[in-house]
Amino acid sequence: MASPADVARLIGRNSKRVAVSVVGGVLVLAGIGMLVLPGPGILVAALGFAVLGTEYTWAATALEHTKRMAEKAGNAARSAGRRMRKPSH
């Protein structure tokens, strides 16, 4: 039979994981929604993956992928901006 301390540890460990899952999941879903609605969708989704990444390896990997994709998009936007500013002769 488990001691009360063991039960308390189990509840504490699992309640943190549940809280991280709920908060991270809500942030990711809100971020996805903001991709088509007004709001900083990519930033909110990345924040959700950062929260989930504290408990889940797959989420930390997804966050790194999101960072790489955001960096590529930023580089492409800067490159396009430079091309548009060049005077045509």
C-alpha atoms as a PDB file:
ATOM      1  CA  MET A   1       0.000   0.000   0.000  1.00  0.00           C
ATOM      2  CA  ALA A   2       1.282   3.478  -0.901  1.00  0.00           C
ATOM      3  CA  SER A   3       2.104   5.895   1.859  1.00  0.00           C
ATOM      4  CA  PRO A   4       0.427   9.318   2.010  1.00  0.00           C
ATOM      5  CA  ALA A   5       3.739  10.909   1.017  1.00  0.00           C
ATOM      6  CA  ASP A   6       3.878   8.741  -2.124  1.00  0.00           C
ATOM      7  CA  VAL A   7       0.319   9.716  -3.028  1.00  0.00           C
ATOM      8  CA  ALA A   8       1.081  13.406  -2.461  1.00  0.00           C
ATOM      9  CA  ARG A   9       4.175  13.155  -4.692  1.00  0.00           C
ATOM     10  CA  LEU A  10       2.162  11.430  -7.429  1.00  0.00           C
ATOM     11  CA  ILE A  11      -0.559  14.087  -7.327  1.00  0.00           C
ATOM     12  CA  GLY A  12       1.982  16.903  -7.299  1.00  0.00           C
ATOM     13  CA  ARG A  13       3.952  15.487 -10.205  1.00  0.00           C
ATOM     14  CA  ASN A  14       0.882  14.782 -12.331  1.00  0.00           C
ATOM     15  CA  SER A  15      -0.922  18.027 -11.515  1.00  0.00           C
ATOM     16  CA  LYS A  16       2.036  20.010 -12.869  1.00  0.00           C
ATOM     17  CA  ARG A  17       2.015  17.977 -16.068  1.00  0.00           C
ATOM     18  CA  VAL A  18      -1.741  18.424 -16.454  1.00  0.00           C
ATOM     19  CA  ALA A  19      -1.464  22.183 -15.852  1.00  0.00           C
ATOM     20  CA  VAL A  20       1.385  22.501 -18.368  1.00  0.00           C
ATOM     21  CA  SER A  21      -0.578  20.452 -20.902  1.00  0.00           C
ATOM     22  CA  VAL A  22      -3.732  22.537 -20.529  1.00  0.00           C
ATOM     23  CA  VAL A  23      -2.024  25.948 -20.554  1.00  0.00           C
ATOM     24  CA  GLY A  24       0.347  25.028 -23.385  1.00  0.00           C
ATOM     25  CA  GLY A  25      -2.424  23.446 -25.429  1.00  0.00           C
ATOM     26  CA  VAL A  26      -4.687  26.474 -25.039  1.00  0.00           C
ATOM     27  CA  LEU A  27      -1.860  28.785 -26.114  1.00  0.00           C
ATOM     28  CA  VAL A  28      -1.050  26.671 -29.174  1.00  0.00           C
ATOM     29  CA  LEU A  29      -4.718  26.501 -30.194  1.00  0.00           C
ATOM     30  CA  ALA A  30      -5.153  30.242 -29.645  1.00  0.00           C
ATOM     31  CA  GLY A  31      -2.060  30.877 -31.749  1.00  0.00           C
ATOM     32  CA  ILE A  32      -3.382  28.697 -34.545  1.00  0.00           C
ATOM     33  CA  GLY A  33      -6.677  30.572 -34.389  1.00  0.00           C
ATOM     34  CA  MET A  34      -4.830  33.878 -34.562  1.00  0.00           C
ATOM     35  CA  LEU A  35      -3.229  32.835 -37.833  1.00  0.00           C
ATOM     36  CA  VAL A  36      -6.592  33.555 -39.475  1.00  0.00           C
ATOM     37  CA  LEU A  37      -7.952  35.978 -36.859  1.00  0.00           C
ATOM     38  CA  PRO A  38      -6.360  39.225 -35.662  1.00  0.00           C
ATOM     39  CA  GLY A  39      -3.482  38.678 -33.279  1.00  0.00           C
ATOM     40  CA  PRO A  40       0.127  37.549 -33.019  1.00  0.00           C
ATOM     41  CA  GLY A  41      -0.556  33.925 -33.974  1.00  0.00           C
ATOM     42  CA  ILE A  42       2.977  32.678 -34.468  1.00  0.00           C
ATOM     43  CA  LEU A  43       4.199  34.277 -31.249  1.00  0.00           C
ATOM     44  CA  VAL A  44       1.355  32.827 -29.170  1.00  0.00           C
ATOM     45  CA  ALA A  45       1.777  29.368 -30.717  1.00  0.00           C
ATOM     46  CA  ALA A  46       5.531  29.532 -30.053  1.00  0.00           C
ATOM     47  CA  LEU A  47       4.822  30.486 -26.449  1.00  0.00           C
ATOM     48  CA  GLY A  48       2.501  27.486 -26.179  1.00  0.00           C
ATOM     49  CA  PHE A  49       5.207  25.185 -27.509  1.00  0.00           C
ATOM     50  CA  ALA A  50       7.671  26.734 -25.043  1.00  0.00           C
ATOM     51  CA  VAL A  51       5.305  25.948 -22.159  1.00  0.00           C
ATOM     52  CA  LEU A  52       4.688  22.414 -23.432  1.00  0.00           C
ATOM     53  CA  GLY A  53       8.434  21.968 -23.988  1.00  0.00           C
ATOM     54  CA  THR A  54       8.997  22.119 -20.238  1.00  0.00           C
ATOM     55  CA  GLU A  55       7.326  18.694 -19.984  1.00  0.00           C
ATOM     56  CA  TYR A  56       7.404  17.169 -23.470  1.00  0.00           C
ATOM     57  CA  THR A  57      10.413  16.626 -25.730  1.00  0.00           C
ATOM     58  CA  TRP A  58       8.260  16.669 -28.888  1.00  0.00           C
ATOM     59  CA  ALA A  59       7.065  20.181 -28.023  1.00  0.00           C
ATOM     60  CA  ALA A  60      10.616  21.447 -27.523  1.00  0.00           C
ATOM     61  CA  THR A  61      11.457  20.021 -30.966  1.00  0.00           C
ATOM     62  CA  ALA A  62       8.377  21.715 -32.468  1.00  0.00           C
ATOM     63  CA  LEU A  63       9.444  25.015 -30.883  1.00  0.00           C
ATOM     64  CA  GLU A  64      12.887  24.758 -32.474  1.00  0.00           C
ATOM     65  CA  HIS A  65      11.254  24.014 -35.848  1.00  0.00           C
ATOM     66  CA  THR A  66       8.961  27.038 -35.388  1.00  0.00           C
ATOM     67  CA  LYS A  67      11.947  29.260 -34.587  1.00  0.00           C
ATOM     68  CA  ARG A  68      13.764  28.108 -37.732  1.00  0.00           C
ATOM     69  CA  MET A  69      10.697  28.725 -39.893  1.00  0.00           C
ATOM     70  CA  ALA A  70      10.176  32.187 -38.376  1.00  0.00           C
ATOM     71  CA  GLU A  71      13.823  33.034 -39.025  1.00  0.00           C
ATOM     72  CA  LYS A  72      13.500  31.945 -42.666  1.00  0.00           C
ATOM     73  CA  ALA A  73      10.317  34.002 -43.072  1.00  0.00           C
ATOM     74  CA  GLY A  74      12.018  37.040 -41.537  1.00  0.00           C
ATOM     75  CA  ASN A  75      15.014  36.665 -43.826  1.00  0.00           C
ATOM     76  CA  ALA A  76      12.744  36.346 -46.865  1.00  0.00           C
ATOM     77  CA  ALA A  77      10.792  39.458 -45.850  1.00  0.00           C
ATOM     78  CA  ARG A  78      13.983  41.478 -45.329  1.00  0.00           C
ATOM     79  CA  SER A  79      15.333  40.282 -48.668  1.00  0.00           C
ATOM     80  CA  ALA A  80      12.108  41.237 -50.454  1.00  0.00           C
ATOM     81  CA  GLY A  81      12.165  44.637 -48.757  1.00  0.00           C
ATOM     82  CA  ARG A  82      15.718  45.291 -49.971  1.00  0.00           C
ATOM     83  CA  ARG A  83      14.773  44.355 -53.531  1.00  0.00           C
ATOM     84  CA  MET A  84      11.800  46.721 -53.460  1.00  0.00           C
ATOM     85  CA  ARG A  85      13.927  49.672 -52.265  1.00  0.00           C
ATOM     86  CA  LYS A  86      16.521  49.402 -55.034  1.00  0.00           C
ATOM     87  CA  PRO A  87      16.016  52.218 -57.549  1.00  0.00           C
ATOM     88  CA  SER A  88      15.409  51.105 -61.104  1.00  0.00           C
ATOM     89  CA  HIS A  89      17.409  52.941 -63.784  1.00  0.00           C
END
